[in-house]
Protein backbone atom coordinates (compact mmCIF):
# COMPACT_ATOMS: atom_id res chain seq x y z
CA MET A 1 -0.04 0.20 -0.02
CA GLU A 2 1.06 3.53 -0.67
CA THR A 3 2.18 5.67 2.18
CA TRP A 4 -0.30 8.28 1.60
CA VAL A 5 -3.22 5.95 1.88
CA ILE A 6 -1.66 4.63 5.26
CA VAL A 7 -1.22 8.47 6.38
CA LEU A 8 -5.07 8.88 5.13
CA VAL A 9 -6.18 5.97 6.96
CA VAL A 10 -4.22 7.03 10.17
CA VAL A 11 -5.45 10.54 10.02
CA VAL A 12 -9.03 9.41 9.56
CA ALA A 13 -8.74 6.81 12.21
CA VAL A 14 -7.40 9.87 14.59
CA VAL A 15 -10.24 12.10 13.74
CA LEU A 16 -12.82 9.36 14.44
CA LEU A 17 -11.01 8.82 18.01
CA ALA A 18 -11.18 12.45 18.45
CA LEU A 19 -14.82 12.64 16.93
CA LEU A 20 -15.54 9.76 19.41
CA GLY A 21 -13.89 11.47 22.54
CA LEU A 22 -15.67 14.79 21.92
CA ALA A 23 -18.86 12.93 21.70
CA LEU A 24 -18.49 10.78 24.87
CA ALA A 25 -17.29 14.22 26.92
CA LYS A 26 -20.10 15.91 25.67
CA ARG A 27 -22.64 12.87 26.69
CA ASN A 28 -20.79 13.01 30.11
CA ARG A 29 -21.09 16.84 30.47
CA ILE A 30 -25.04 16.20 29.72
CA ASN A 31 -25.53 13.87 31.79
CA SER A 32 -23.53 15.68 34.59
CA ALA A 33 -25.99 18.73 33.72
CA ARG A 34 -28.99 16.34 34.22
CA LYS A 35 -27.71 14.90 37.41
CA ARG A 36 -27.30 18.67 38.64
CA GLU A 37 -30.51 19.31 37.85
CA GLN A 38 -32.36 16.36 39.52
CA ALA A 39 -30.14 17.22 42.53
CA ARG A 40 -31.67 20.72 42.54
CA GLU A 41 -34.93 19.15 42.27
CA HIS A 42 -34.36 16.86 45.21
CA LEU A 43 -33.39 19.69 47.10
CA GLN A 44 -36.32 22.16 46.35
CA GLU A 45 -38.26 19.20 47.23
CA ALA A 46 -36.56 18.65 50.32
CA GLN A 47 -36.92 22.19 51.47
CA LEU A 48 -40.78 22.13 50.68
CA ARG A 49 -40.96 18.74 52.88
CA GLY A 50 -38.99 20.26 55.70
CA ALA A 51 -41.28 23.33 55.79
CA ARG A 52 -44.36 21.23 55.83
CA ALA A 53 -42.76 18.99 58.51
CA GLU A 54 -41.97 22.37 60.39
CA MET A 55 -45.38 23.59 60.25
CA GLU A 56 -47.03 19.90 61.21
CA ARG A 57 -44.65 20.07 64.35
CA ALA A 58 -45.79 23.43 65.21
CA ALA A 59 -49.47 22.96 64.83
CA ALA A 60 -49.21 19.69 66.85
CA GLU A 61 -47.11 21.68 69.45
CA GLU A 62 -50.23 24.28 69.55
CA GLN A 63 -52.68 21.32 69.96
CA ALA A 64 -50.98 19.78 72.75
CA ALA A 65 -50.30 22.87 74.44
CA ARG A 66 -54.63 23.88 73.92
CA ALA A 67 -55.11 20.56 75.30
CA ARG A 68 -52.91 21.10 78.39
CA ARG A 69 -54.41 24.09 78.77
CA GLU A 70 -57.95 22.94 78.57
CA ARG A 71 -57.22 20.30 81.01
CA ALA A 72 -55.76 22.98 83.77
CA GLU A 73 -59.17 24.70 83.20
CA VAL A 74 -61.52 21.60 83.75
CA GLU A 75 -59.02 20.59 86.75
CA GLU A 76 -59.78 24.40 88.10
CA ARG A 77 -63.30 24.32 87.45
CA ALA A 78 -63.40 20.78 89.23
CA ARG A 79 -61.31 22.02 92.34
CA LEU A 80 -63.42 25.41 92.55
CA ALA A 81 -66.85 23.08 92.43
CA GLU A 82 -65.08 20.89 95.11
CA GLN A 83 -64.24 23.46 97.40
CA GLU A 84 -67.92 25.07 96.91
CA ALA A 85 -69.47 21.58 97.93
CA GLN A 86 -66.98 21.60 100.84
CA GLN A 87 -67.98 25.05 101.76
CA ARG A 88 -72.05 23.96 101.42
CA ALA A 89 -71.29 20.93 103.46
CA ALA A 90 -69.91 22.66 106.05
CA GLN A 91 -72.49 25.58 106.43
CA ALA A 92 -75.17 22.49 106.45
CA ARG A 93 -73.24 20.85 109.25
CA GLU A 94 -73.51 24.17 110.99
CA HIS A 95 -77.17 24.87 110.35
CA ALA A 96 -77.58 21.38 111.60
CA SER A 97 -75.77 21.76 114.78
CA ALA A 98 -77.50 25.37 115.30
CA ALA A 99 -80.99 23.38 114.81
CA GLU A 100 -79.95 20.81 117.08
CA GLN A 101 -78.89 23.15 119.76
CA LEU A 102 -82.47 25.13 119.48
CA ARG A 103 -84.08 21.68 119.81
CA ALA A 104 -81.78 21.06 123.01
CA LYS A 105 -83.05 24.63 124.20
CA ALA A 106 -86.56 24.52 123.34
CA GLU A 107 -86.86 20.67 125.01
CA LYS A 108 -85.10 22.34 128.31
CA LEU A 109 -87.74 25.39 128.45
CA ALA A 110 -90.84 23.28 127.49
CA PRO A 111 -89.97 19.63 127.72
CA GLY A 112 -92.26 17.62 125.59
CA LEU A 113 -93.35 20.68 123.09
CA ALA A 114 -90.48 19.77 120.73
CA GLU A 115 -92.51 16.42 119.81
CA GLU A 116 -95.83 17.78 119.94
CA HIS A 117 -94.73 20.48 117.60
CA ALA A 118 -93.11 17.99 115.00
CA GLN A 119 -96.39 15.69 115.77
CA HIS A 120 -98.82 18.91 115.02
CA ALA A 121 -96.93 21.23 112.80
CA ASP A 122 -99.09 20.74 109.68
CA GLY A 123 -102.15 19.51 111.82
CA ARG A 124 -101.75 15.87 111.08
CA ALA A 125 -99.71 13.19 113.33
CA ARG A 126 -96.03 12.55 112.58
CA GLY A 127 -95.49 10.33 109.45
CA ALA A 128 -98.47 11.49 107.50
CA GLY A 129 -97.46 13.37 104.50
CA ALA A 130 -98.87 16.70 103.09
CA PRO A 131 -101.84 16.43 100.44
CA GLY A 132 -100.28 15.05 97.12
CA THR A 133 -97.20 13.51 98.15
CA ILE A 134 -96.07 9.81 97.89
CA PRO A 135 -95.52 8.10 101.16
CA ALA A 136 -91.49 7.55 101.90
CA ALA A 137 -90.17 4.25 102.21
CA THR A 138 -91.00 2.10 104.94
CA PRO A 139 -90.37 -1.13 106.00
CA GLU A 140 -94.44 -1.99 104.83
CA ARG A 141 -93.46 -0.13 101.38
CA PRO A 142 -89.81 -0.57 100.46
CA ASP A 143 -90.11 1.28 97.11
CA GLY A 144 -90.60 4.45 98.72
CA GLY A 145 -91.92 7.30 96.92
CA ALA A 146 -90.95 11.17 96.06
CA THR A 147 -92.84 14.63 96.73
CA ARG A 148 -94.72 16.18 93.82
CA ARG A 149 -93.62 19.42 93.45
C-alpha cells in the first residue's frame, strides 16, 4: 500500500477517535448537567417537605398546648366546685348543729313541746304526708316515693 493511503487511514482513525472522544465528553457533560438538575429538584422538594414538617410540628405543639390548657381549666373548675361543695357541706353541718342546739334549748324550756310541735306542725300526726305526696319508703313499703312539686 502506498504511504499516503496509510497516512490517510491513520489521519481518519485519529479524527474518528477525536470525534468519539468529543462525543463521550459531551455525553458526560449532558449527564452531569442532568444529574445537577435532578439534585436541584431533590433539594427543592426536601426544602418544601421540611417546611411542611415544621408547620405540622408547630400545629401539633399548639394542639398539645391547647389540650393542656383545657385540661388545666377543667381541673380548676373541678377544684372550685369541690371547694364550693365542701363549703356548703360545712354550712349544712353548722345549720344542723344550730338546729339541734335550738331543739335542745326548747326541750329544756318546755319538755315534750318539741315532739308535740313535730307531730302537729301541719295539723296531722307525725309520719302522715302532706296532701299530694307519695309516702316515703317504710318497711311495709320498700319502694318509697317522691314528693310531687
